[in-house]
Amino acid sequence: MALYRVGPLPGGALAASARFHAEVLPRILARLDAPRAEELVILFEPADHTHRAWRLAAVQQLAREQAPVRVNAVESDDEAAIAAALVYLGKAKGVTGQLLPLDGTGAHKILS
């Protein structure tokens, strides 16, 4: 399972979505369209609730279009929580098209 780290995006949801779709999404699609593409987890930096809808829509559409390759996303800046989520998603073969917000307050013990 590969991790794709989305760099900083603008603070406003509309501007962030526009930059993601114009600059980041083409790189993700190229990676997923490669022969023997790996399952992918997209990592977003934490943002307020106004970003949830566009992020979830993008991940869900990628998951539909790339099936059977699984695509999920997490929102976090906590490396331990990210690592735990990757372990969980690696074992949860039926999970795809999900956006998981991680807060790093003990999820590792639950997910491991």
C-alpha atoms as a PDB file:
ATOM      1  CA  MET A   1       0.000   0.000   0.000  1.00  0.00           C
ATOM      2  CA  ALA A   2       1.425   3.343  -1.061  1.00  0.00           C
ATOM      3  CA  LEU A   3       1.044   6.669   0.740  1.00  0.00           C
ATOM      4  CA  TYR A   4       0.650   9.842  -1.316  1.00  0.00           C
ATOM      5  CA  ARG A   5       1.255  12.975   0.755  1.00  0.00           C
ATOM      6  CA  VAL A   6      -0.667  15.978  -0.488  1.00  0.00           C
ATOM      7  CA  GLY A   7       1.338  19.068   0.348  1.00  0.00           C
ATOM      8  CA  PRO A   8      -0.065  22.233   1.819  1.00  0.00           C
ATOM      9  CA  LEU A   9      -3.209  23.508   0.132  1.00  0.00           C
ATOM     10  CA  PRO A  10      -4.887  26.908   0.495  1.00  0.00           C
ATOM     11  CA  GLY A  11      -6.921  27.459   3.655  1.00  0.00           C
ATOM     12  CA  GLY A  12     -10.217  28.069   1.869  1.00  0.00           C
ATOM     13  CA  ALA A  13     -12.103  24.969   0.724  1.00  0.00           C
ATOM     14  CA  LEU A  14     -12.837  26.251  -2.783  1.00  0.00           C
ATOM     15  CA  ALA A  15      -9.248  27.311  -3.450  1.00  0.00           C
ATOM     16  CA  ALA A  16      -7.901  24.074  -1.935  1.00  0.00           C
ATOM     17  CA  SER A  17     -10.220  21.966  -4.063  1.00  0.00           C
ATOM     18  CA  ALA A  18      -9.257  23.870  -7.209  1.00  0.00           C
ATOM     19  CA  ARG A  19      -5.534  23.411  -6.571  1.00  0.00           C
ATOM     20  CA  PHE A  20      -5.981  19.721  -5.685  1.00  0.00           C
ATOM     21  CA  HIS A  21      -7.918  19.003  -8.876  1.00  0.00           C
ATOM     22  CA  ALA A  22      -5.600  21.050 -11.099  1.00  0.00           C
ATOM     23  CA  GLU A  23      -2.196  20.090  -9.695  1.00  0.00           C
ATOM     24  CA  VAL A  24      -2.373  17.048  -7.419  1.00  0.00           C
ATOM     25  CA  LEU A  25      -5.051  14.863  -8.980  1.00  0.00           C
ATOM     26  CA  PRO A  26      -3.227  14.445 -12.323  1.00  0.00           C
ATOM     27  CA  ARG A  27      -0.182  13.075 -10.457  1.00  0.00           C
ATOM     28  CA  ILE A  28      -2.370  10.680  -8.457  1.00  0.00           C
ATOM     29  CA  LEU A  29      -4.107   9.483 -11.625  1.00  0.00           C
ATOM     30  CA  ALA A  30      -0.776   8.900 -13.360  1.00  0.00           C
ATOM     31  CA  ARG A  31       0.347   6.816 -10.410  1.00  0.00           C
ATOM     32  CA  LEU A  32      -2.887   4.813 -10.352  1.00  0.00           C
ATOM     33  CA  ASP A  33      -2.904   4.285 -14.122  1.00  0.00           C
ATOM     34  CA  ALA A  34       0.591   2.781 -14.073  1.00  0.00           C
ATOM     35  CA  PRO A  35       0.895  -0.957 -14.672  1.00  0.00           C
ATOM     36  CA  ARG A  36       0.502  -2.886 -11.420  1.00  0.00           C
ATOM     37  CA  ALA A  37      -0.664   0.172  -9.505  1.00  0.00           C
ATOM     38  CA  GLU A  38      -0.499  -0.207  -5.740  1.00  0.00           C
ATOM     39  CA  GLU A  39      -3.415   0.407  -3.435  1.00  0.00           C
ATOM     40  CA  LEU A  40      -3.202   4.048  -2.426  1.00  0.00           C
ATOM     41  CA  VAL A  41      -3.816   6.094   0.689  1.00  0.00           C
ATOM     42  CA  ILE A  42      -3.930   9.837   0.123  1.00  0.00           C
ATOM     43  CA  LEU A  43      -2.738  11.895   3.082  1.00  0.00           C
ATOM     44  CA  PHE A  44      -4.293  15.314   3.573  1.00  0.00           C
ATOM     45  CA  GLU A  45      -3.153  17.783   6.189  1.00  0.00           C
ATOM     46  CA  PRO A  46      -5.815  18.568   8.784  1.00  0.00           C
ATOM     47  CA  ALA A  47      -8.356  21.205   7.758  1.00  0.00           C
ATOM     48  CA  ASP A  48     -11.667  22.482   9.030  1.00  0.00           C
ATOM     49  CA  HIS A  49     -15.019  20.883   8.240  1.00  0.00           C
ATOM     50  CA  THR A  50     -15.488  22.902   5.033  1.00  0.00           C
ATOM     51  CA  HIS A  51     -12.937  20.674   3.265  1.00  0.00           C
ATOM     52  CA  ARG A  52     -14.606  17.347   4.046  1.00  0.00           C
ATOM     53  CA  ALA A  53     -17.114  17.280   1.174  1.00  0.00           C
ATOM     54  CA  TRP A  54     -14.683  17.899  -1.677  1.00  0.00           C
ATOM     55  CA  ARG A  55     -12.077  15.549  -0.229  1.00  0.00           C
ATOM     56  CA  LEU A  56     -14.584  12.743   0.269  1.00  0.00           C
ATOM     57  CA  ALA A  57     -16.054  13.214  -3.213  1.00  0.00           C
ATOM     58  CA  ALA A  58     -12.592  13.028  -4.798  1.00  0.00           C
ATOM     59  CA  VAL A  59     -11.622   9.875  -2.881  1.00  0.00           C
ATOM     60  CA  GLN A  60     -14.943   8.158  -3.579  1.00  0.00           C
ATOM     61  CA  GLN A  61     -14.726   8.893  -7.315  1.00  0.00           C
ATOM     62  CA  LEU A  62     -11.131   7.671  -7.472  1.00  0.00           C
ATOM     63  CA  ALA A  63     -12.126   4.465  -5.686  1.00  0.00           C
ATOM     64  CA  ARG A  64     -14.972   3.845  -8.137  1.00  0.00           C
ATOM     65  CA  GLU A  65     -12.850   4.540 -11.195  1.00  0.00           C
ATOM     66  CA  GLN A  66      -9.794   2.588 -10.053  1.00  0.00           C
ATOM     67  CA  ALA A  67     -11.504  -0.557  -8.738  1.00  0.00           C
ATOM     68  CA  PRO A  68     -10.309  -3.166  -7.959  1.00  0.00           C
ATOM     69  CA  VAL A  69      -7.347  -1.047  -6.788  1.00  0.00           C
ATOM     70  CA  ARG A  70      -8.379   0.424  -3.446  1.00  0.00           C
ATOM     71  CA  VAL A  71      -8.097   4.165  -2.787  1.00  0.00           C
ATOM     72  CA  ASN A  72      -8.620   5.719   0.644  1.00  0.00           C
ATOM     73  CA  ALA A  73      -7.564   8.932   2.357  1.00  0.00           C
ATOM     74  CA  VAL A  74      -6.627  10.061   5.829  1.00  0.00           C
ATOM     75  CA  GLU A  75      -6.436  13.520   7.366  1.00  0.00           C
ATOM     76  CA  SER A  76      -3.665  13.888   9.917  1.00  0.00           C
ATOM     77  CA  ASP A  77      -0.337  15.379  10.876  1.00  0.00           C
ATOM     78  CA  ASP A  78       0.378  12.709  13.504  1.00  0.00           C
ATOM     79  CA  GLU A  79       2.878  10.197  12.101  1.00  0.00           C
ATOM     80  CA  ALA A  80       1.999   7.476  14.620  1.00  0.00           C
ATOM     81  CA  ALA A  81      -1.703   7.747  13.782  1.00  0.00           C
ATOM     82  CA  ILE A  82      -0.925   7.677  10.059  1.00  0.00           C
ATOM     83  CA  ALA A  83       1.214   4.557  10.465  1.00  0.00           C
ATOM     84  CA  ALA A  84      -1.544   2.848  12.469  1.00  0.00           C
ATOM     85  CA  ALA A  85      -4.133   3.730   9.840  1.00  0.00           C
ATOM     86  CA  LEU A  86      -1.923   2.280   7.101  1.00  0.00           C
ATOM     87  CA  VAL A  87      -1.637  -0.988   9.028  1.00  0.00           C
ATOM     88  CA  TYR A  88      -5.407  -1.073   9.517  1.00  0.00           C
ATOM     89  CA  LEU A  89      -6.189  -0.267   5.871  1.00  0.00           C
ATOM     90  CA  GLY A  90      -3.663  -2.849   4.711  1.00  0.00           C
ATOM     91  CA  LYS A  91      -5.633  -5.528   6.560  1.00  0.00           C
ATOM     92  CA  ALA A  92      -9.141  -4.197   5.808  1.00  0.00           C
ATOM     93  CA  LYS A  93      -9.404  -5.427   2.234  1.00  0.00           C
ATOM     94  CA  GLY A  94     -13.058  -4.362   1.869  1.00  0.00           C
ATOM     95  CA  VAL A  95     -12.441  -0.719   2.758  1.00  0.00           C
ATOM     96  CA  THR A  96     -12.182   1.693  -0.168  1.00  0.00           C
ATOM     97  CA  GLY A  97     -13.366   5.201  -0.958  1.00  0.00           C
ATOM     98  CA  GLN A  98     -13.114   6.350   2.667  1.00  0.00           C
ATOM     99  CA  LEU A  99     -11.800   9.577   4.187  1.00  0.00           C
ATOM    100  CA  LEU A 100     -10.606   8.927   7.736  1.00  0.00           C
ATOM    101  CA  PRO A 101      -9.867  11.882  10.014  1.00  0.00           C
ATOM    102  CA  LEU A 102      -7.228  10.874  12.562  1.00  0.00           C
ATOM    103  CA  ASP A 103      -6.607  12.713  15.793  1.00  0.00           C
ATOM    104  CA  GLY A 104      -3.796  10.613  17.220  1.00  0.00           C
ATOM    105  CA  THR A 105      -5.308  10.227  20.674  1.00  0.00           C
ATOM    106  CA  GLY A 106      -4.829   6.521  21.117  1.00  0.00           C
ATOM    107  CA  ALA A 107      -6.112   5.126  17.814  1.00  0.00           C
ATOM    108  CA  HIS A 108      -2.915   3.104  17.423  1.00  0.00           C
ATOM    109  CA  LYS A 109      -3.880   0.736  20.250  1.00  0.00           C
ATOM    110  CA  ILE A 110      -7.347   0.226  18.770  1.00  0.00           C
ATOM    111  CA  LEU A 111      -6.216  -0.202  15.146  1.00  0.00           C
ATOM    112  CA  SER A 112      -3.195  -2.413  15.716  1.00  0.00           C
END
